[in-house]
Amino acid sequence: MRREEINKLFGVTDQQLEAMAEEYENGTWKGRVGPVAPGRPKVFNEELETISFRIPKSRVQEIDNRAKACGESRSQFLRRAIDQALPV
C-alpha cells in the first residue's frame, strides 16, 4: 500500500505527520500512543487463502516491474488487479 493510501485511511497528510513528529521530538506533542499489536497488520477483515498458479517468467518480471513502479509488493499489485477485474 502506498503512503498516500495509508494517509487517506488514517485521515492525515504528510504535513500533519511531520508537524506531529516535530512536536513529539521536542516534547510538546499532546497526543498519545495507542496499543501496539504484535504481528503483521490484517489486509482484510476475513480469512485469506493462498492460491498458486503458473505463468511465464516474462509475465512475472512485468508484474514485478509494474508493482515496483506503483510502490507496491507483488501481492499488493495482484490483489489490486484482481479487485479491478472482479468488482464487489
N, C-alpha and C. Protein backbone atom coordinates (compact mmCIF):
# COMPACT_ATOMS: atom_id res chain seq x y z
N MET A 1 0.84 -1.17 0.00
CA MET A 1 0.00 0.00 0.00
C MET A 1 0.90 1.24 0.00
N ARG A 2 0.55 2.21 -0.81
CA ARG A 2 1.35 3.42 -0.90
C ARG A 2 1.05 4.36 0.26
N ARG A 3 2.02 5.22 0.56
CA ARG A 3 1.89 6.16 1.67
C ARG A 3 0.64 7.01 1.55
N GLU A 4 0.31 7.45 0.36
CA GLU A 4 -0.88 8.30 0.18
C GLU A 4 -2.14 7.55 0.58
N GLU A 5 -2.20 6.26 0.26
CA GLU A 5 -3.37 5.45 0.61
C GLU A 5 -3.47 5.25 2.12
N ILE A 6 -2.32 5.03 2.75
CA ILE A 6 -2.30 4.88 4.21
C ILE A 6 -2.73 6.18 4.88
N ASN A 7 -2.19 7.30 4.40
CA ASN A 7 -2.57 8.61 4.96
C ASN A 7 -4.08 8.82 4.83
N LYS A 8 -4.64 8.44 3.69
CA LYS A 8 -6.08 8.62 3.47
C LYS A 8 -6.89 7.77 4.45
N LEU A 9 -6.43 6.54 4.68
CA LEU A 9 -7.12 5.66 5.63
C LEU A 9 -7.16 6.26 7.03
N PHE A 10 -6.08 6.93 7.41
CA PHE A 10 -5.99 7.50 8.75
C PHE A 10 -6.41 8.97 8.80
N GLY A 11 -6.74 9.54 7.65
CA GLY A 11 -7.21 10.92 7.61
C GLY A 11 -6.16 11.95 7.95
N VAL A 12 -4.91 11.72 7.50
CA VAL A 12 -3.82 12.66 7.76
C VAL A 12 -3.07 12.96 6.47
N THR A 13 -2.31 14.05 6.50
CA THR A 13 -1.45 14.40 5.38
C THR A 13 0.00 14.26 5.82
N ASP A 14 0.91 14.26 4.87
CA ASP A 14 2.34 14.22 5.21
C ASP A 14 2.72 15.42 6.07
N GLN A 15 2.14 16.58 5.76
CA GLN A 15 2.46 17.78 6.52
C GLN A 15 2.01 17.64 7.98
N GLN A 16 0.84 17.07 8.20
CA GLN A 16 0.36 16.86 9.57
C GLN A 16 1.26 15.87 10.31
N LEU A 17 1.67 14.82 9.64
CA LEU A 17 2.56 13.85 10.27
C LEU A 17 3.90 14.48 10.63
N GLU A 18 4.43 15.29 9.73
CA GLU A 18 5.70 15.97 10.01
C GLU A 18 5.57 16.90 11.21
N ALA A 19 4.45 17.63 11.29
CA ALA A 19 4.22 18.54 12.42
C ALA A 19 4.13 17.75 13.73
N MET A 20 3.41 16.61 13.70
CA MET A 20 3.30 15.78 14.91
C MET A 20 4.65 15.22 15.32
N ALA A 21 5.44 14.78 14.33
CA ALA A 21 6.77 14.24 14.63
C ALA A 21 7.65 15.30 15.26
N GLU A 22 7.58 16.51 14.75
CA GLU A 22 8.38 17.61 15.31
C GLU A 22 7.96 17.89 16.76
N GLU A 23 6.65 17.93 17.01
CA GLU A 23 6.16 18.15 18.38
C GLU A 23 6.60 17.01 19.30
N TYR A 24 6.52 15.78 18.81
CA TYR A 24 6.92 14.63 19.62
C TYR A 24 8.40 14.72 19.97
N GLU A 25 9.21 15.05 18.97
CA GLU A 25 10.66 15.10 19.18
C GLU A 25 11.08 16.24 20.11
N ASN A 26 10.32 17.34 20.12
CA ASN A 26 10.72 18.43 21.02
C ASN A 26 9.94 18.43 22.34
N GLY A 27 9.13 17.37 22.54
CA GLY A 27 8.46 17.18 23.83
C GLY A 27 7.17 17.96 24.02
N THR A 28 6.60 18.53 22.95
CA THR A 28 5.37 19.32 23.10
C THR A 28 4.13 18.61 22.54
N TRP A 29 4.28 17.38 22.09
CA TRP A 29 3.17 16.64 21.50
C TRP A 29 2.14 16.30 22.56
N LYS A 30 0.86 16.59 22.30
CA LYS A 30 -0.23 16.36 23.25
C LYS A 30 -0.95 15.04 22.97
N GLY A 31 -0.56 14.35 21.94
CA GLY A 31 -1.21 13.10 21.57
C GLY A 31 -0.80 11.96 22.47
N ARG A 32 -1.27 10.77 22.14
CA ARG A 32 -0.90 9.58 22.88
C ARG A 32 -0.69 8.43 21.90
N VAL A 33 0.06 7.46 22.33
CA VAL A 33 0.32 6.27 21.53
C VAL A 33 -0.65 5.19 21.97
N GLY A 34 -1.36 4.62 21.02
CA GLY A 34 -2.33 3.56 21.33
C GLY A 34 -1.64 2.23 21.54
N PRO A 35 -2.42 1.21 21.74
CA PRO A 35 -1.84 -0.12 21.96
C PRO A 35 -1.10 -0.61 20.72
N VAL A 36 -0.04 -1.34 20.97
CA VAL A 36 0.75 -1.89 19.88
C VAL A 36 0.42 -3.38 19.78
N ALA A 37 -0.03 -3.80 18.60
CA ALA A 37 -0.38 -5.20 18.38
C ALA A 37 0.77 -5.89 17.66
N PRO A 38 1.26 -7.01 18.19
CA PRO A 38 2.35 -7.72 17.51
C PRO A 38 1.87 -8.35 16.21
N GLY A 39 2.79 -8.56 15.31
CA GLY A 39 2.48 -9.24 14.06
C GLY A 39 2.15 -8.27 12.94
N ARG A 40 1.90 -8.84 11.79
CA ARG A 40 1.58 -8.04 10.61
C ARG A 40 0.14 -7.56 10.69
N PRO A 41 -0.11 -6.36 10.21
CA PRO A 41 -1.49 -5.88 10.21
C PRO A 41 -2.34 -6.68 9.22
N LYS A 42 -3.62 -6.81 9.53
CA LYS A 42 -4.52 -7.53 8.64
C LYS A 42 -4.76 -6.73 7.37
N VAL A 43 -4.80 -7.43 6.25
CA VAL A 43 -5.07 -6.81 4.96
C VAL A 43 -6.57 -6.71 4.73
N PHE A 44 -7.29 -7.72 5.20
CA PHE A 44 -8.74 -7.80 5.03
C PHE A 44 -9.37 -8.23 6.35
N ASN A 45 -10.66 -8.02 6.47
CA ASN A 45 -11.37 -8.43 7.68
C ASN A 45 -11.94 -9.83 7.56
N GLU A 46 -11.33 -10.63 6.74
CA GLU A 46 -11.75 -12.02 6.61
C GLU A 46 -10.51 -12.87 6.38
N GLU A 47 -10.67 -14.16 6.53
CA GLU A 47 -9.56 -15.08 6.37
C GLU A 47 -9.05 -15.04 4.92
N LEU A 48 -7.73 -15.08 4.78
CA LEU A 48 -7.14 -15.10 3.44
C LEU A 48 -6.77 -16.53 3.06
N GLU A 49 -6.78 -16.78 1.78
CA GLU A 49 -6.40 -18.09 1.27
C GLU A 49 -5.31 -17.90 0.22
N THR A 50 -4.29 -18.73 0.29
CA THR A 50 -3.21 -18.68 -0.68
C THR A 50 -3.61 -19.47 -1.92
N ILE A 51 -3.36 -18.88 -3.09
CA ILE A 51 -3.58 -19.60 -4.34
C ILE A 51 -2.25 -19.65 -5.09
N SER A 52 -2.14 -20.59 -5.96
CA SER A 52 -0.90 -20.76 -6.72
C SER A 52 -1.26 -21.11 -8.15
N PHE A 53 -0.56 -20.46 -9.09
CA PHE A 53 -0.74 -20.81 -10.49
C PHE A 53 0.54 -20.46 -11.22
N ARG A 54 0.68 -21.00 -12.41
CA ARG A 54 1.91 -20.84 -13.18
C ARG A 54 1.69 -19.88 -14.33
N ILE A 55 2.63 -18.97 -14.50
CA ILE A 55 2.62 -18.05 -15.64
C ILE A 55 4.06 -17.92 -16.14
N PRO A 56 4.26 -17.48 -17.36
CA PRO A 56 5.62 -17.33 -17.90
C PRO A 56 6.46 -16.35 -17.08
N LYS A 57 7.74 -16.65 -16.99
CA LYS A 57 8.67 -15.80 -16.22
C LYS A 57 8.62 -14.35 -16.69
N SER A 58 8.45 -14.15 -18.00
CA SER A 58 8.43 -12.78 -18.53
C SER A 58 7.25 -12.00 -17.95
N ARG A 59 6.12 -12.67 -17.71
CA ARG A 59 4.95 -12.01 -17.12
C ARG A 59 5.20 -11.69 -15.65
N VAL A 60 5.88 -12.59 -14.95
CA VAL A 60 6.23 -12.33 -13.54
C VAL A 60 7.13 -11.10 -13.46
N GLN A 61 8.10 -11.01 -14.36
CA GLN A 61 9.01 -9.87 -14.36
C GLN A 61 8.24 -8.57 -14.63
N GLU A 62 7.29 -8.63 -15.55
CA GLU A 62 6.48 -7.44 -15.84
C GLU A 62 5.61 -7.07 -14.64
N ILE A 63 5.04 -8.05 -13.97
CA ILE A 63 4.27 -7.78 -12.76
C ILE A 63 5.16 -7.11 -11.72
N ASP A 64 6.34 -7.65 -11.51
CA ASP A 64 7.27 -7.07 -10.52
C ASP A 64 7.67 -5.65 -10.89
N ASN A 65 7.91 -5.41 -12.19
CA ASN A 65 8.28 -4.06 -12.63
C ASN A 65 7.14 -3.07 -12.38
N ARG A 66 5.92 -3.47 -12.73
CA ARG A 66 4.76 -2.59 -12.53
C ARG A 66 4.49 -2.36 -11.05
N ALA A 67 4.62 -3.41 -10.25
CA ALA A 67 4.40 -3.29 -8.81
C ALA A 67 5.41 -2.31 -8.22
N LYS A 68 6.67 -2.45 -8.61
CA LYS A 68 7.71 -1.56 -8.09
C LYS A 68 7.42 -0.12 -8.50
N ALA A 69 7.00 0.08 -9.74
CA ALA A 69 6.68 1.43 -10.23
C ALA A 69 5.53 2.06 -9.44
N CYS A 70 4.63 1.21 -8.93
CA CYS A 70 3.48 1.69 -8.14
C CYS A 70 3.80 1.75 -6.65
N GLY A 71 5.01 1.34 -6.27
CA GLY A 71 5.38 1.33 -4.86
C GLY A 71 4.67 0.23 -4.08
N GLU A 72 4.40 -0.89 -4.75
CA GLU A 72 3.67 -1.98 -4.14
C GLU A 72 4.49 -3.26 -4.18
N SER A 73 4.11 -4.21 -3.33
CA SER A 73 4.68 -5.54 -3.42
C SER A 73 3.96 -6.28 -4.55
N ARG A 74 4.49 -7.41 -4.92
CA ARG A 74 3.84 -8.23 -5.96
C ARG A 74 2.42 -8.60 -5.50
N SER A 75 2.27 -9.01 -4.25
CA SER A 75 0.96 -9.40 -3.74
C SER A 75 -0.03 -8.24 -3.76
N GLN A 76 0.43 -7.07 -3.33
CA GLN A 76 -0.46 -5.89 -3.35
C GLN A 76 -0.92 -5.59 -4.77
N PHE A 77 0.02 -5.63 -5.70
CA PHE A 77 -0.30 -5.35 -7.10
C PHE A 77 -1.33 -6.34 -7.63
N LEU A 78 -1.11 -7.62 -7.37
CA LEU A 78 -2.02 -8.65 -7.87
C LEU A 78 -3.39 -8.55 -7.21
N ARG A 79 -3.45 -8.26 -5.90
CA ARG A 79 -4.75 -8.10 -5.24
C ARG A 79 -5.51 -6.94 -5.87
N ARG A 80 -4.81 -5.84 -6.13
CA ARG A 80 -5.45 -4.68 -6.75
C ARG A 80 -5.95 -5.01 -8.15
N ALA A 81 -5.13 -5.73 -8.92
CA ALA A 81 -5.55 -6.10 -10.28
C ALA A 81 -6.78 -7.00 -10.25
N ILE A 82 -6.81 -7.93 -9.31
CA ILE A 82 -7.97 -8.82 -9.18
C ILE A 82 -9.19 -8.03 -8.74
N ASP A 83 -9.01 -7.11 -7.79
CA ASP A 83 -10.13 -6.28 -7.34
C ASP A 83 -10.71 -5.46 -8.50
N GLN A 84 -9.85 -4.98 -9.40
CA GLN A 84 -10.33 -4.21 -10.54
C GLN A 84 -11.08 -5.11 -11.54
N ALA A 85 -10.65 -6.35 -11.66
CA ALA A 85 -11.30 -7.28 -12.59
C ALA A 85 -12.58 -7.87 -12.02
N LEU A 86 -12.66 -7.96 -10.69
CA LEU A 86 -13.82 -8.57 -10.04
C LEU A 86 -14.41 -7.59 -9.03
N PRO A 87 -15.07 -6.54 -9.50
CA PRO A 87 -15.62 -5.56 -8.55
C PRO A 87 -16.60 -6.21 -7.59
N VAL A 88 -16.66 -5.67 -6.39
CA VAL A 88 -17.54 -6.20 -5.35
C VAL A 88 -18.98 -5.89 -5.64
